[in-house]
Amino acid sequence: MTEVKPLVFKKTGKQRCGKGFSREELKKAGLEVKKALKLKIPIDLRRRTLHEENVQTLKGFLENAKKEQKPMSKKKGKSKS
């Protein structure tokens, strides 16, 4: 899987890569903290800001993660009947 990075804004208005996504961004994207950690999404618990760009990034990442998952194959075996 690809690595996902959040964008944060400096006081001057410039963007830079952040340490992790905030809880509010995760909640808005429909993701719990434990699920995000399993998917190896970085979380910054100190951040309290909510940026729509980061929410859209998370939603896109989740869609790609679902596509990459392989469907469960049914085992072919003898049935007992």
C-alpha atoms as a PDB file:
ATOM      1  CA  MET A   1       0.000   0.000   0.000  1.00  0.00           C
ATOM      2  CA  THR A   2       1.037   3.567  -0.501  1.00  0.00           C
ATOM      3  CA  GLU A   3       1.910   5.883   2.329  1.00  0.00           C
ATOM      4  CA  VAL A   4      -0.555   8.664   3.077  1.00  0.00           C
ATOM      5  CA  LYS A   5       0.581  12.032   4.498  1.00  0.00           C
ATOM      6  CA  PRO A   6      -1.560  14.870   5.885  1.00  0.00           C
ATOM      7  CA  LEU A   7      -1.107  18.529   5.006  1.00  0.00           C
ATOM      8  CA  VAL A   8      -0.898  21.134   7.754  1.00  0.00           C
ATOM      9  CA  PHE A   9      -0.643  24.904   7.499  1.00  0.00           C
ATOM     10  CA  LYS A  10       1.993  27.107   9.065  1.00  0.00           C
ATOM     11  CA  LYS A  11       1.085  30.463  10.609  1.00  0.00           C
ATOM     12  CA  THR A  12       2.303  32.150   7.430  1.00  0.00           C
ATOM     13  CA  GLY A  13      -0.239  30.164   5.410  1.00  0.00           C
ATOM     14  CA  LYS A  14       2.249  27.835   3.759  1.00  0.00           C
ATOM     15  CA  GLN A  15       1.539  24.117   3.579  1.00  0.00           C
ATOM     16  CA  ARG A  16       3.828  21.355   4.768  1.00  0.00           C
ATOM     17  CA  CYS A  17       3.578  17.631   5.428  1.00  0.00           C
ATOM     18  CA  GLY A  18       2.300  16.894   8.900  1.00  0.00           C
ATOM     19  CA  LYS A  19       3.126  14.206  11.419  1.00  0.00           C
ATOM     20  CA  GLY A  20      -0.327  12.615  11.316  1.00  0.00           C
ATOM     21  CA  PHE A  21      -4.047  13.104  10.863  1.00  0.00           C
ATOM     22  CA  SER A  22      -6.183  14.605  13.623  1.00  0.00           C
ATOM     23  CA  ARG A  23      -8.995  12.731  15.361  1.00  0.00           C
ATOM     24  CA  GLU A  24     -11.587  15.036  13.814  1.00  0.00           C
ATOM     25  CA  GLU A  25     -10.314  14.285  10.315  1.00  0.00           C
ATOM     26  CA  LEU A  26     -10.507  10.560  10.993  1.00  0.00           C
ATOM     27  CA  LYS A  27     -14.034  10.889  12.381  1.00  0.00           C
ATOM     28  CA  LYS A  28     -15.192  12.952   9.400  1.00  0.00           C
ATOM     29  CA  ALA A  29     -13.769  10.324   7.016  1.00  0.00           C
ATOM     30  CA  GLY A  30     -15.676   7.589   8.889  1.00  0.00           C
ATOM     31  CA  LEU A  31     -12.656   5.937  10.450  1.00  0.00           C
ATOM     32  CA  GLU A  32     -11.912   4.963  14.043  1.00  0.00           C
ATOM     33  CA  VAL A  33      -8.494   5.449  15.637  1.00  0.00           C
ATOM     34  CA  LYS A  34      -7.856   1.715  16.134  1.00  0.00           C
ATOM     35  CA  LYS A  35      -8.843   0.926  12.541  1.00  0.00           C
ATOM     36  CA  ALA A  36      -6.524   3.689  11.302  1.00  0.00           C
ATOM     37  CA  LEU A  37      -3.634   2.248  13.284  1.00  0.00           C
ATOM     38  CA  LYS A  38      -4.272  -1.198  11.746  1.00  0.00           C
ATOM     39  CA  LEU A  39      -4.162   0.378   8.285  1.00  0.00           C
ATOM     40  CA  LYS A  40      -0.872   2.108   9.263  1.00  0.00           C
ATOM     41  CA  ILE A  41      -2.318   5.607   8.898  1.00  0.00           C
ATOM     42  CA  PRO A  42      -0.320   8.115  10.986  1.00  0.00           C
ATOM     43  CA  ILE A  43      -2.238   9.892  13.762  1.00  0.00           C
ATOM     44  CA  ASP A  44      -1.211  13.044  15.591  1.00  0.00           C
ATOM     45  CA  LEU A  45      -3.169  13.165  18.845  1.00  0.00           C
ATOM     46  CA  ARG A  46      -2.032  16.741  19.577  1.00  0.00           C
ATOM     47  CA  ARG A  47      -3.596  18.211  16.434  1.00  0.00           C
ATOM     48  CA  ARG A  48      -7.112  19.618  16.756  1.00  0.00           C
ATOM     49  CA  THR A  49      -7.551  21.160  13.328  1.00  0.00           C
ATOM     50  CA  LEU A  50      -9.814  19.845  10.597  1.00  0.00           C
ATOM     51  CA  HIS A  51      -8.775  20.312   6.970  1.00  0.00           C
ATOM     52  CA  GLU A  52     -11.115  19.130   4.213  1.00  0.00           C
ATOM     53  CA  GLU A  53      -8.130  18.288   1.983  1.00  0.00           C
ATOM     54  CA  ASN A  54      -7.002  15.703   4.535  1.00  0.00           C
ATOM     55  CA  VAL A  55     -10.502  14.234   4.829  1.00  0.00           C
ATOM     56  CA  GLN A  56     -10.643  13.801   1.045  1.00  0.00           C
ATOM     57  CA  THR A  57      -7.176  12.205   1.116  1.00  0.00           C
ATOM     58  CA  LEU A  58      -8.329   9.703   3.736  1.00  0.00           C
ATOM     59  CA  LYS A  59     -11.500   8.838   1.816  1.00  0.00           C
ATOM     60  CA  GLY A  60      -9.497   8.226  -1.345  1.00  0.00           C
ATOM     61  CA  PHE A  61      -7.020   6.068   0.564  1.00  0.00           C
ATOM     62  CA  LEU A  62      -9.833   3.968   2.028  1.00  0.00           C
ATOM     63  CA  GLU A  63     -11.372   3.401  -1.409  1.00  0.00           C
ATOM     64  CA  ASN A  64      -8.022   2.233  -2.776  1.00  0.00           C
ATOM     65  CA  ALA A  65      -7.484  -0.013   0.251  1.00  0.00           C
ATOM     66  CA  LYS A  66     -10.853  -1.703  -0.353  1.00  0.00           C
ATOM     67  CA  LYS A  67      -9.993  -2.299  -4.019  1.00  0.00           C
ATOM     68  CA  GLU A  68      -6.640  -3.855  -3.125  1.00  0.00           C
ATOM     69  CA  GLN A  69      -8.158  -6.379  -0.722  1.00  0.00           C
ATOM     70  CA  LYS A  70      -8.545  -9.752  -2.322  1.00  0.00           C
ATOM     71  CA  PRO A  71     -11.992 -11.330  -2.135  1.00  0.00           C
ATOM     72  CA  MET A  72     -12.283 -14.431  -0.003  1.00  0.00           C
ATOM     73  CA  SER A  73     -12.141 -17.517  -2.162  1.00  0.00           C
ATOM     74  CA  LYS A  74     -14.420 -20.412  -1.424  1.00  0.00           C
ATOM     75  CA  LYS A  75     -12.677 -23.656  -0.664  1.00  0.00           C
ATOM     76  CA  LYS A  76     -13.534 -26.403  -3.056  1.00  0.00           C
ATOM     77  CA  GLY A  77     -14.041 -29.624  -1.217  1.00  0.00           C
ATOM     78  CA  LYS A  78     -16.338 -32.547  -0.861  1.00  0.00           C
ATOM     79  CA  SER A  79     -19.615 -31.782   0.759  1.00  0.00           C
ATOM     80  CA  LYS A  80     -21.036 -34.181   3.294  1.00  0.00           C
ATOM     81  CA  SER A  81     -24.525 -35.093   2.177  1.00  0.00           C
END
